[in-house]
Amino acid sequence: MRKVLLLFCLAAILTLAGASVFKADSASAAETLLVCGVCDKTFYKTAERVVREMGLTDKVTVKKSSCLGACSLPPVIEFRGELYVSMTEEKLKALLAKAYP
């Protein structure tokens, strides 16, 4: 009887621990904004600054990427599965303001 009770308690503890870890991960999950680091080496810092200034650091993570395939129209970013070319600071602010009203 003690072994069954011990196994039940252990399973309950592991379940609760797993649930709390899952909640923390899902609550802190930020969307990724990819900035092509190949065709424009300077826009990454601009994107980081814009995200920070707009107070979106908990919602958007800026990452450098390899080629996004639109090298003729830099800077290029990918956000929510869409490519955006000829990106400017103003365009990025508008995009993020629309995504996070």
C-alpha atoms as a PDB file:
ATOM      1  CA  MET A   1       0.000   0.000   0.000  1.00  0.00           C
ATOM      2  CA  ARG A   2       2.849   2.374   0.814  1.00  0.00           C
ATOM      3  CA  LYS A   3       4.467   1.770  -2.579  1.00  0.00           C
ATOM      4  CA  VAL A   4       1.240   2.637  -4.381  1.00  0.00           C
ATOM      5  CA  LEU A   5       0.834   5.801  -2.306  1.00  0.00           C
ATOM      6  CA  LEU A   6       4.478   6.752  -2.901  1.00  0.00           C
ATOM      7  CA  LEU A   7       4.131   6.223  -6.663  1.00  0.00           C
ATOM      8  CA  PHE A   8       0.916   8.251  -6.715  1.00  0.00           C
ATOM      9  CA  CYS A   9       2.563  11.146  -4.840  1.00  0.00           C
ATOM     10  CA  LEU A  10       5.613  11.041  -7.104  1.00  0.00           C
ATOM     11  CA  ALA A  11       3.434  11.081 -10.225  1.00  0.00           C
ATOM     12  CA  ALA A  12       1.414  14.017  -8.848  1.00  0.00           C
ATOM     13  CA  ILE A  13       4.566  15.991  -8.062  1.00  0.00           C
ATOM     14  CA  LEU A  14       6.032  15.362 -11.511  1.00  0.00           C
ATOM     15  CA  THR A  15       2.748  16.325 -13.178  1.00  0.00           C
ATOM     16  CA  LEU A  16       2.503  19.579 -11.243  1.00  0.00           C
ATOM     17  CA  ALA A  17       6.144  20.412 -11.888  1.00  0.00           C
ATOM     18  CA  GLY A  18       5.721  19.741 -15.605  1.00  0.00           C
ATOM     19  CA  ALA A  19       2.574  21.878 -15.773  1.00  0.00           C
ATOM     20  CA  SER A  20       4.263  24.840 -14.099  1.00  0.00           C
ATOM     21  CA  VAL A  21       7.238  24.611 -16.453  1.00  0.00           C
ATOM     22  CA  PHE A  22       4.904  24.469 -19.468  1.00  0.00           C
ATOM     23  CA  LYS A  23       2.966  27.531 -18.296  1.00  0.00           C
ATOM     24  CA  ALA A  24       6.158  29.516 -17.763  1.00  0.00           C
ATOM     25  CA  ASP A  25       7.457  28.602 -21.204  1.00  0.00           C
ATOM     26  CA  SER A  26       4.222  29.388 -23.026  1.00  0.00           C
ATOM     27  CA  ALA A  27       3.772  32.686 -21.197  1.00  0.00           C
ATOM     28  CA  SER A  28       7.277  33.807 -22.046  1.00  0.00           C
ATOM     29  CA  ALA A  29       7.230  32.617 -25.658  1.00  0.00           C
ATOM     30  CA  ALA A  30       7.996  35.536 -27.924  1.00  0.00           C
ATOM     31  CA  GLU A  31       7.485  35.703 -31.662  1.00  0.00           C
ATOM     32  CA  THR A  32      10.623  35.801 -33.763  1.00  0.00           C
ATOM     33  CA  LEU A  33      11.490  38.650 -36.097  1.00  0.00           C
ATOM     34  CA  LEU A  34      14.242  37.456 -38.442  1.00  0.00           C
ATOM     35  CA  VAL A  35      16.563  40.032 -39.969  1.00  0.00           C
ATOM     36  CA  CYS A  36      18.656  38.941 -42.922  1.00  0.00           C
ATOM     37  CA  GLY A  37      22.235  39.374 -41.804  1.00  0.00           C
ATOM     38  CA  VAL A  38      23.637  38.734 -45.271  1.00  0.00           C
ATOM     39  CA  CYS A  39      22.198  41.523 -47.409  1.00  0.00           C
ATOM     40  CA  ASP A  40      22.169  44.276 -44.761  1.00  0.00           C
ATOM     41  CA  LYS A  41      24.394  44.172 -41.717  1.00  0.00           C
ATOM     42  CA  THR A  42      23.021  47.325 -40.029  1.00  0.00           C
ATOM     43  CA  PHE A  43      19.245  46.813 -39.869  1.00  0.00           C
ATOM     44  CA  TYR A  44      19.527  44.194 -37.114  1.00  0.00           C
ATOM     45  CA  LYS A  45      20.491  46.875 -34.576  1.00  0.00           C
ATOM     46  CA  THR A  46      17.704  49.118 -35.838  1.00  0.00           C
ATOM     47  CA  ALA A  47      15.165  46.318 -35.412  1.00  0.00           C
ATOM     48  CA  GLU A  48      16.395  45.587 -31.878  1.00  0.00           C
ATOM     49  CA  ARG A  49      16.098  49.272 -30.971  1.00  0.00           C
ATOM     50  CA  VAL A  50      12.594  49.586 -32.441  1.00  0.00           C
ATOM     51  CA  VAL A  51      11.358  46.522 -30.540  1.00  0.00           C
ATOM     52  CA  ARG A  52      12.891  47.872 -27.332  1.00  0.00           C
ATOM     53  CA  GLU A  53      11.519  51.411 -27.806  1.00  0.00           C
ATOM     54  CA  MET A  54       8.028  50.063 -28.515  1.00  0.00           C
ATOM     55  CA  GLY A  55       8.138  48.001 -25.319  1.00  0.00           C
ATOM     56  CA  LEU A  56       7.758  44.699 -27.160  1.00  0.00           C
ATOM     57  CA  THR A  57      10.816  42.842 -25.873  1.00  0.00           C
ATOM     58  CA  ASP A  58       8.583  40.323 -24.082  1.00  0.00           C
ATOM     59  CA  LYS A  59       6.582  39.700 -27.272  1.00  0.00           C
ATOM     60  CA  VAL A  60       9.181  39.894 -30.070  1.00  0.00           C
ATOM     61  CA  THR A  61      12.667  38.422 -30.265  1.00  0.00           C
ATOM     62  CA  VAL A  62      14.944  39.836 -32.970  1.00  0.00           C
ATOM     63  CA  LYS A  63      17.358  37.325 -34.496  1.00  0.00           C
ATOM     64  CA  LYS A  64      19.834  37.465 -37.352  1.00  0.00           C
ATOM     65  CA  SER A  65      19.240  34.943 -40.069  1.00  0.00           C
ATOM     66  CA  SER A  66      20.999  33.632 -43.090  1.00  0.00           C
ATOM     67  CA  CYS A  67      19.759  34.621 -46.544  1.00  0.00           C
ATOM     68  CA  LEU A  68      15.990  35.074 -46.725  1.00  0.00           C
ATOM     69  CA  GLY A  69      16.027  35.002 -50.522  1.00  0.00           C
ATOM     70  CA  ALA A  70      15.215  38.590 -51.449  1.00  0.00           C
ATOM     71  CA  CYS A  71      18.737  39.982 -51.667  1.00  0.00           C
ATOM     72  CA  SER A  72      17.901  42.516 -54.371  1.00  0.00           C
ATOM     73  CA  LEU A  73      15.650  44.517 -52.005  1.00  0.00           C
ATOM     74  CA  PRO A  74      17.429  44.843 -48.648  1.00  0.00           C
ATOM     75  CA  PRO A  75      16.886  45.116 -45.750  1.00  0.00           C
ATOM     76  CA  VAL A  76      14.770  41.981 -45.591  1.00  0.00           C
ATOM     77  CA  ILE A  77      12.913  40.652 -42.557  1.00  0.00           C
ATOM     78  CA  GLU A  78      10.613  37.735 -41.882  1.00  0.00           C
ATOM     79  CA  PHE A  79       7.812  38.066 -39.353  1.00  0.00           C
ATOM     80  CA  ARG A  80       4.954  35.650 -38.799  1.00  0.00           C
ATOM     81  CA  GLY A  81       5.957  33.685 -41.886  1.00  0.00           C
ATOM     82  CA  GLU A  82       5.860  36.689 -44.229  1.00  0.00           C
ATOM     83  CA  LEU A  83       8.823  38.345 -45.970  1.00  0.00           C
ATOM     84  CA  TYR A  84       9.096  42.126 -45.964  1.00  0.00           C
ATOM     85  CA  VAL A  85      11.587  43.850 -48.260  1.00  0.00           C
ATOM     86  CA  SER A  86      13.052  47.352 -48.464  1.00  0.00           C
ATOM     87  CA  MET A  87      12.380  47.569 -44.747  1.00  0.00           C
ATOM     88  CA  THR A  88      12.809  50.889 -42.979  1.00  0.00           C
ATOM     89  CA  GLU A  89      12.497  51.871 -39.352  1.00  0.00           C
ATOM     90  CA  GLU A  90       9.138  53.504 -40.070  1.00  0.00           C
ATOM     91  CA  LYS A  91       7.796  50.430 -41.899  1.00  0.00           C
ATOM     92  CA  LEU A  92       8.884  48.185 -39.044  1.00  0.00           C
ATOM     93  CA  LYS A  93       7.185  50.414 -36.479  1.00  0.00           C
ATOM     94  CA  ALA A  94       3.962  50.335 -38.517  1.00  0.00           C
ATOM     95  CA  LEU A  95       4.144  46.545 -38.898  1.00  0.00           C
ATOM     96  CA  LEU A  96       4.667  45.996 -35.182  1.00  0.00           C
ATOM     97  CA  ALA A  97       2.005  48.554 -34.209  1.00  0.00           C
ATOM     98  CA  LYS A  98      -0.476  46.677 -36.387  1.00  0.00           C
ATOM     99  CA  ALA A  99       0.589  43.308 -34.947  1.00  0.00           C
ATOM    100  CA  TYR A 100       0.433  44.561 -31.343  1.00  0.00           C
ATOM    101  CA  PRO A 101      -2.267  47.256 -31.119  1.00  0.00           C
END
